N, C-alpha and C. Protein backbone atom coordinates (compact mmCIF):
# COMPACT_ATOMS: atom_id res chain seq x y z
N MET A 1 94.10 148.18 138.36
CA MET A 1 93.31 148.84 137.34
C MET A 1 91.86 148.38 137.46
N LYS A 2 90.94 149.28 137.16
CA LYS A 2 89.51 148.95 137.12
C LYS A 2 89.16 148.47 135.72
N TRP A 3 88.44 147.38 135.66
CA TRP A 3 87.94 146.82 134.41
C TRP A 3 86.42 146.86 134.51
N ILE A 4 85.78 147.48 133.54
CA ILE A 4 84.37 147.82 133.66
C ILE A 4 83.57 147.22 132.50
N THR A 5 82.43 146.59 132.83
CA THR A 5 81.59 145.99 131.82
C THR A 5 80.14 145.98 132.30
N ARG A 6 79.28 145.33 131.52
CA ARG A 6 77.86 145.22 131.85
C ARG A 6 77.62 144.20 132.96
N GLU A 7 76.58 144.41 133.71
CA GLU A 7 76.16 143.48 134.76
C GLU A 7 75.47 142.26 134.14
N LYS A 8 75.09 141.31 135.00
CA LYS A 8 74.42 140.06 134.59
C LYS A 8 75.32 139.25 133.67
N ILE A 9 76.50 138.94 134.17
CA ILE A 9 77.54 138.30 133.38
C ILE A 9 77.18 136.86 133.00
N LYS A 10 77.70 136.47 131.84
CA LYS A 10 77.56 135.09 131.39
C LYS A 10 78.92 134.66 130.85
N VAL A 11 78.99 134.12 129.66
CA VAL A 11 80.20 133.49 129.15
C VAL A 11 81.37 134.47 129.02
N ASP A 12 81.29 135.39 128.10
CA ASP A 12 82.41 136.28 127.77
C ASP A 12 82.78 137.18 128.95
N ARG A 13 81.78 137.64 129.70
CA ARG A 13 82.04 138.54 130.82
C ARG A 13 82.48 137.80 132.08
N VAL A 14 82.61 136.48 132.00
CA VAL A 14 83.29 135.69 133.04
C VAL A 14 84.67 135.29 132.51
N ALA A 15 84.72 134.87 131.25
CA ALA A 15 85.99 134.46 130.66
C ALA A 15 87.00 135.60 130.63
N CYS A 16 86.54 136.81 130.31
CA CYS A 16 87.47 137.95 130.24
C CYS A 16 88.10 138.25 131.60
N PRO A 17 87.33 138.35 132.67
CA PRO A 17 87.98 138.57 133.97
C PRO A 17 88.95 137.45 134.34
N TRP A 18 88.61 136.21 134.02
CA TRP A 18 89.54 135.10 134.28
C TRP A 18 90.85 135.34 133.53
N LEU A 19 90.74 135.69 132.25
CA LEU A 19 91.92 135.95 131.42
C LEU A 19 92.72 137.13 131.98
N ILE A 20 92.03 138.21 132.29
CA ILE A 20 92.68 139.41 132.80
C ILE A 20 93.42 139.11 134.10
N ARG A 21 92.75 138.47 135.02
CA ARG A 21 93.34 138.21 136.34
C ARG A 21 94.54 137.26 136.24
N ASN A 22 94.49 136.30 135.32
CA ASN A 22 95.55 135.30 135.23
C ASN A 22 96.71 135.68 134.32
N PHE A 23 96.48 136.56 133.34
CA PHE A 23 97.51 136.82 132.35
C PHE A 23 97.83 138.29 132.10
N ILE A 24 97.06 139.22 132.68
CA ILE A 24 97.27 140.63 132.39
C ILE A 24 97.42 141.47 133.66
N ASP A 25 96.50 141.33 134.58
CA ASP A 25 96.43 142.23 135.74
C ASP A 25 95.97 141.44 136.97
N ARG A 26 96.92 140.92 137.72
CA ARG A 26 96.61 140.09 138.90
C ARG A 26 95.75 140.83 139.93
N ASP A 27 95.88 142.16 139.98
CA ASP A 27 95.14 142.96 140.96
C ASP A 27 93.91 143.64 140.37
N ALA A 28 93.44 143.14 139.26
CA ALA A 28 92.30 143.76 138.58
C ALA A 28 91.09 143.86 139.50
N GLU A 29 90.40 144.99 139.38
CA GLU A 29 89.13 145.19 140.08
C GLU A 29 88.04 145.21 139.01
N PHE A 30 87.02 144.38 139.17
CA PHE A 30 85.96 144.27 138.17
C PHE A 30 84.71 144.99 138.66
N ILE A 31 84.19 145.84 137.78
CA ILE A 31 83.01 146.64 138.09
C ILE A 31 81.95 146.32 137.04
N PHE A 32 80.74 146.07 137.53
CA PHE A 32 79.62 145.70 136.66
C PHE A 32 78.55 146.78 136.76
N LEU A 33 78.23 147.38 135.62
CA LEU A 33 77.29 148.49 135.57
C LEU A 33 76.06 148.10 134.73
N PRO A 34 74.95 148.84 134.88
CA PRO A 34 73.75 148.54 134.10
C PRO A 34 74.00 148.67 132.60
N ARG A 35 73.23 147.91 131.84
CA ARG A 35 73.33 147.88 130.38
C ARG A 35 73.21 149.27 129.76
N ASP A 36 72.37 150.13 130.34
CA ASP A 36 72.12 151.45 129.74
C ASP A 36 73.15 152.51 130.13
N THR A 37 74.27 152.11 130.71
CA THR A 37 75.35 153.04 131.05
C THR A 37 75.88 153.69 129.77
N ASP A 38 76.24 154.96 129.86
CA ASP A 38 76.91 155.64 128.74
C ASP A 38 78.40 155.30 128.83
N TRP A 39 78.81 154.28 128.12
CA TRP A 39 80.17 153.73 128.21
C TRP A 39 81.22 154.72 127.75
N THR A 40 80.84 155.65 126.89
CA THR A 40 81.81 156.63 126.39
C THR A 40 82.22 157.63 127.46
N GLN A 41 81.44 157.73 128.54
CA GLN A 41 81.74 158.68 129.62
C GLN A 41 82.69 158.11 130.68
N ILE A 42 83.03 156.85 130.58
CA ILE A 42 83.89 156.21 131.57
C ILE A 42 85.35 156.51 131.23
N THR A 43 86.04 157.13 132.18
CA THR A 43 87.43 157.50 131.96
C THR A 43 88.38 156.95 133.02
N ASP A 44 87.83 156.29 134.03
CA ASP A 44 88.68 155.84 135.14
C ASP A 44 88.82 154.32 135.17
N GLY A 45 88.90 153.71 134.02
CA GLY A 45 89.08 152.27 133.94
C GLY A 45 89.05 151.80 132.50
N ILE A 46 89.21 150.50 132.32
CA ILE A 46 89.19 149.90 130.98
C ILE A 46 87.84 149.25 130.77
N VAL A 47 87.14 149.70 129.75
CA VAL A 47 85.82 149.17 129.42
C VAL A 47 86.00 148.00 128.47
N TYR A 48 85.26 146.92 128.74
CA TYR A 48 85.32 145.74 127.86
C TYR A 48 83.94 145.11 127.73
N ASP A 49 83.75 144.40 126.65
CA ASP A 49 82.52 143.67 126.34
C ASP A 49 81.26 144.52 126.47
N VAL A 50 81.33 145.71 125.90
CA VAL A 50 80.16 146.57 125.75
C VAL A 50 80.14 147.02 124.29
N PRO A 51 79.01 147.51 123.81
CA PRO A 51 78.94 147.91 122.40
C PRO A 51 79.98 148.97 122.04
N ASP A 52 80.54 148.82 120.86
CA ASP A 52 81.44 149.82 120.27
C ASP A 52 82.67 150.14 121.10
N CYS A 53 83.25 149.14 121.74
CA CYS A 53 84.50 149.38 122.47
C CYS A 53 85.61 148.54 121.85
N GLU A 54 86.84 148.96 122.10
CA GLU A 54 88.00 148.26 121.54
C GLU A 54 88.04 146.80 121.98
N LEU A 55 87.77 146.54 123.25
CA LEU A 55 87.84 145.18 123.79
C LEU A 55 86.46 144.55 123.81
N GLY A 56 85.79 144.62 122.67
CA GLY A 56 84.44 144.08 122.52
C GLY A 56 84.37 143.09 121.38
N HIS A 57 83.17 142.84 120.93
CA HIS A 57 82.94 141.93 119.81
C HIS A 57 83.29 142.64 118.50
N HIS A 58 84.02 141.92 117.64
CA HIS A 58 84.39 142.44 116.32
C HIS A 58 84.29 141.29 115.34
N GLY A 59 83.36 141.39 114.40
CA GLY A 59 83.13 140.26 113.50
C GLY A 59 82.67 139.06 114.32
N GLU A 60 83.30 137.90 114.09
CA GLU A 60 82.96 136.72 114.87
C GLU A 60 83.73 136.64 116.18
N ASP A 61 84.69 137.53 116.36
CA ASP A 61 85.46 137.53 117.61
C ASP A 61 84.64 138.10 118.75
N VAL A 62 84.79 137.49 119.92
CA VAL A 62 84.18 138.01 121.14
C VAL A 62 85.24 138.80 121.90
N SER A 63 84.86 139.37 123.01
CA SER A 63 85.77 140.22 123.78
C SER A 63 87.01 139.47 124.23
N PHE A 64 86.87 138.20 124.59
CA PHE A 64 88.01 137.38 124.99
C PHE A 64 89.06 137.39 123.88
N ASN A 65 88.63 137.22 122.63
CA ASN A 65 89.55 137.25 121.49
C ASN A 65 90.18 138.63 121.31
N SER A 66 89.39 139.68 121.52
CA SER A 66 89.92 141.05 121.40
C SER A 66 91.00 141.31 122.45
N ILE A 67 90.80 140.80 123.65
CA ILE A 67 91.80 140.96 124.71
C ILE A 67 93.06 140.17 124.38
N LEU A 68 92.89 138.94 123.88
CA LEU A 68 94.06 138.15 123.47
C LEU A 68 94.91 138.93 122.47
N LYS A 69 94.25 139.52 121.47
CA LYS A 69 94.96 140.26 120.43
C LYS A 69 95.62 141.52 120.97
N LYS A 70 94.88 142.32 121.74
CA LYS A 70 95.42 143.59 122.25
C LYS A 70 96.65 143.36 123.11
N TYR A 71 96.62 142.33 123.94
CA TYR A 71 97.72 142.07 124.87
C TYR A 71 98.71 141.03 124.34
N GLU A 72 98.57 140.72 123.05
CA GLU A 72 99.50 139.83 122.34
C GLU A 72 99.71 138.51 123.08
N LEU A 73 98.60 137.92 123.52
CA LEU A 73 98.64 136.61 124.19
C LEU A 73 98.46 135.54 123.12
N THR A 74 99.53 134.83 122.82
CA THR A 74 99.52 133.89 121.70
C THR A 74 99.72 132.44 122.13
N ASN A 75 99.66 132.19 123.42
CA ASN A 75 99.76 130.83 123.94
C ASN A 75 98.70 129.97 123.24
N PRO A 76 99.08 128.86 122.61
CA PRO A 76 98.11 128.03 121.88
C PRO A 76 96.94 127.55 122.74
N ALA A 77 97.17 127.28 124.02
CA ALA A 77 96.07 126.85 124.88
C ALA A 77 95.07 127.99 125.10
N LEU A 78 95.57 129.22 125.24
CA LEU A 78 94.66 130.36 125.37
C LEU A 78 93.89 130.61 124.07
N LEU A 79 94.55 130.42 122.94
CA LEU A 79 93.86 130.58 121.65
C LEU A 79 92.76 129.54 121.51
N LEU A 80 93.03 128.31 121.94
CA LEU A 80 92.01 127.26 121.91
C LEU A 80 90.86 127.62 122.85
N LEU A 81 91.18 128.09 124.03
CA LEU A 81 90.13 128.53 124.96
C LEU A 81 89.32 129.65 124.34
N GLY A 82 89.98 130.54 123.62
CA GLY A 82 89.27 131.61 122.92
C GLY A 82 88.28 131.09 121.90
N GLU A 83 88.63 130.00 121.20
CA GLU A 83 87.70 129.39 120.25
C GLU A 83 86.47 128.85 120.97
N ILE A 84 86.68 128.27 122.15
CA ILE A 84 85.57 127.70 122.92
C ILE A 84 84.68 128.82 123.45
N VAL A 85 85.28 129.87 123.97
CA VAL A 85 84.50 131.01 124.47
C VAL A 85 83.70 131.63 123.33
N ARG A 86 84.34 131.81 122.18
CA ARG A 86 83.63 132.37 121.02
C ARG A 86 82.45 131.48 120.64
N ALA A 87 82.65 130.17 120.62
CA ALA A 87 81.56 129.25 120.27
C ALA A 87 80.42 129.33 121.28
N ALA A 88 80.75 129.50 122.56
CA ALA A 88 79.72 129.57 123.59
C ALA A 88 78.98 130.90 123.57
N ASP A 89 79.64 131.96 123.15
CA ASP A 89 79.08 133.30 123.28
C ASP A 89 78.45 133.86 122.02
N SER A 90 78.89 133.39 120.84
CA SER A 90 78.43 134.10 119.65
C SER A 90 77.99 133.25 118.46
N HIS A 91 77.99 131.95 118.56
CA HIS A 91 77.58 131.08 117.46
C HIS A 91 78.32 131.39 116.15
N PRO A 92 79.65 131.28 116.14
CA PRO A 92 80.41 131.57 114.91
C PRO A 92 80.17 130.51 113.84
N SER A 93 80.62 130.80 112.63
CA SER A 93 80.41 129.85 111.52
C SER A 93 81.16 128.55 111.76
N GLN A 94 82.33 128.59 112.35
CA GLN A 94 83.10 127.40 112.69
C GLN A 94 83.12 127.31 114.22
N SER A 95 82.23 126.52 114.77
CA SER A 95 82.02 126.50 116.21
C SER A 95 82.70 125.30 116.87
N HIS A 96 83.49 125.57 117.91
CA HIS A 96 84.13 124.49 118.67
C HIS A 96 83.05 123.73 119.45
N PRO A 97 83.08 122.40 119.43
CA PRO A 97 82.01 121.63 120.08
C PRO A 97 81.91 121.84 121.59
N ALA A 98 82.97 122.23 122.26
CA ALA A 98 82.91 122.44 123.71
C ALA A 98 82.13 123.71 124.06
N GLY A 99 81.89 124.56 123.10
CA GLY A 99 81.19 125.81 123.37
C GLY A 99 79.80 125.62 123.92
N GLU A 100 79.08 124.64 123.42
CA GLU A 100 77.71 124.43 123.88
C GLU A 100 77.67 124.08 125.37
N GLY A 101 78.59 123.24 125.81
CA GLY A 101 78.65 122.89 127.22
C GLY A 101 78.98 124.10 128.09
N LEU A 102 79.91 124.93 127.62
CA LEU A 102 80.27 126.13 128.36
C LEU A 102 79.08 127.08 128.45
N ARG A 103 78.31 127.19 127.37
CA ARG A 103 77.11 128.05 127.37
C ARG A 103 76.12 127.54 128.43
N TRP A 104 75.94 126.25 128.52
CA TRP A 104 75.03 125.67 129.51
C TRP A 104 75.52 125.95 130.93
N ILE A 105 76.81 125.79 131.16
CA ILE A 105 77.37 126.04 132.49
C ILE A 105 77.16 127.51 132.88
N ALA A 106 77.44 128.42 131.96
CA ALA A 106 77.27 129.84 132.25
C ALA A 106 75.81 130.16 132.54
N SER A 107 74.90 129.60 131.79
CA SER A 107 73.47 129.83 132.03
C SER A 107 73.06 129.28 133.39
N GLY A 108 73.61 128.13 133.76
CA GLY A 108 73.31 127.54 135.05
C GLY A 108 73.77 128.41 136.20
N PHE A 109 74.98 128.97 136.09
CA PHE A 109 75.45 129.87 137.14
C PHE A 109 74.54 131.08 137.25
N GLY A 110 74.10 131.61 136.12
CA GLY A 110 73.19 132.75 136.14
C GLY A 110 71.86 132.42 136.80
N ALA A 111 71.40 131.19 136.63
CA ALA A 111 70.12 130.77 137.20
C ALA A 111 70.18 130.55 138.71
N LEU A 112 71.38 130.46 139.28
CA LEU A 112 71.51 130.19 140.71
C LEU A 112 71.27 131.43 141.58
N GLY A 113 71.19 132.60 140.96
CA GLY A 113 70.86 133.81 141.70
C GLY A 113 72.04 134.49 142.38
N PHE A 114 73.26 134.12 142.00
CA PHE A 114 74.44 134.76 142.56
C PHE A 114 74.62 136.16 142.01
N THR A 115 75.35 137.01 142.74
CA THR A 115 75.75 138.31 142.20
C THR A 115 76.84 138.07 141.16
N ASP A 116 77.13 139.10 140.39
CA ASP A 116 78.19 138.97 139.38
C ASP A 116 79.53 138.62 140.03
N HIS A 117 79.85 139.23 141.15
CA HIS A 117 81.12 138.92 141.81
C HIS A 117 81.13 137.49 142.36
N GLU A 118 80.00 137.02 142.85
CA GLU A 118 79.91 135.63 143.32
C GLU A 118 80.08 134.65 142.16
N ILE A 119 79.53 134.99 141.01
CA ILE A 119 79.70 134.13 139.84
C ILE A 119 81.17 134.05 139.48
N LEU A 120 81.87 135.18 139.45
CA LEU A 120 83.30 135.15 139.15
C LEU A 120 84.03 134.24 140.13
N GLU A 121 83.76 134.42 141.41
CA GLU A 121 84.44 133.64 142.44
C GLU A 121 84.22 132.14 142.24
N ARG A 122 83.02 131.75 141.90
CA ARG A 122 82.70 130.33 141.76
C ARG A 122 83.08 129.76 140.39
N GLU A 123 82.95 130.58 139.35
CA GLU A 123 83.15 130.04 138.00
C GLU A 123 84.59 130.08 137.53
N PHE A 124 85.46 130.83 138.18
CA PHE A 124 86.87 130.84 137.78
C PHE A 124 87.46 129.43 137.78
N ILE A 125 87.04 128.59 138.69
CA ILE A 125 87.56 127.21 138.73
C ILE A 125 87.18 126.45 137.46
N VAL A 126 86.03 126.76 136.88
CA VAL A 126 85.62 126.13 135.63
C VAL A 126 86.61 126.52 134.53
N TYR A 127 86.99 127.79 134.49
CA TYR A 127 87.95 128.24 133.49
C TYR A 127 89.35 127.71 133.76
N ASP A 128 89.70 127.55 135.03
CA ASP A 128 90.98 126.91 135.37
C ASP A 128 91.02 125.50 134.79
N ALA A 129 89.94 124.75 134.99
CA ALA A 129 89.87 123.37 134.50
C ALA A 129 89.84 123.33 132.97
N LEU A 130 89.08 124.22 132.37
CA LEU A 130 89.00 124.26 130.91
C LEU A 130 90.37 124.63 130.31
N TYR A 131 91.06 125.57 130.92
CA TYR A 131 92.39 125.94 130.46
C TYR A 131 93.37 124.76 130.61
N ALA A 132 93.27 124.04 131.73
CA ALA A 132 94.13 122.86 131.92
C ALA A 132 93.90 121.84 130.82
N GLU A 133 92.64 121.65 130.42
CA GLU A 133 92.35 120.71 129.33
C GLU A 133 92.86 121.27 128.00
N CYS A 134 92.75 122.57 127.79
CA CYS A 134 93.29 123.18 126.57
C CYS A 134 94.80 122.97 126.51
N LEU A 135 95.49 123.14 127.64
CA LEU A 135 96.93 122.88 127.68
C LEU A 135 97.23 121.43 127.30
N ARG A 136 96.44 120.51 127.84
CA ARG A 136 96.63 119.09 127.55
C ARG A 136 96.37 118.80 126.07
N GLN A 137 95.38 119.44 125.50
CA GLN A 137 95.04 119.21 124.09
C GLN A 137 96.13 119.72 123.16
N VAL A 138 96.73 120.87 123.47
CA VAL A 138 97.76 121.42 122.58
C VAL A 138 99.14 120.86 122.85
N ASN A 139 99.34 120.23 124.00
CA ASN A 139 100.61 119.63 124.37
C ASN A 139 100.42 118.20 124.87
N PRO A 140 99.89 117.33 124.01
CA PRO A 140 99.68 115.95 124.49
C PRO A 140 101.01 115.28 124.84
N SER A 141 100.97 114.51 125.93
CA SER A 141 102.23 113.85 126.31
C SER A 141 102.22 112.38 125.99
């Protein structure tokens, strides 16, 4: 399936592809289009993290949270990761402290001059590590 969003990805538009690829669609193809795209005209894929779409920001929830809800992903570690992504992407009223670090990491990747696909390739390992820590936090041994 094609998953389509805005170019110049940062926090949520990296976290969502990580989530999609690992928990929803292993063969997902990610397409990044200019901000001024008419998103309502796209019919050959799933649009996410753009204005006024189902898998976008709603209230304090970011697109990562919308995807968790739509696909009924209730794993406590993923929910914790969702809190961190929300804190990094949208400054919610109750902000997880790890969000600020994630925001810095995302900004740093953007400053390196990589393409959106290169950022995904390099930054997925950050989300793998963050998810591993979320698993450890919700299931301490």
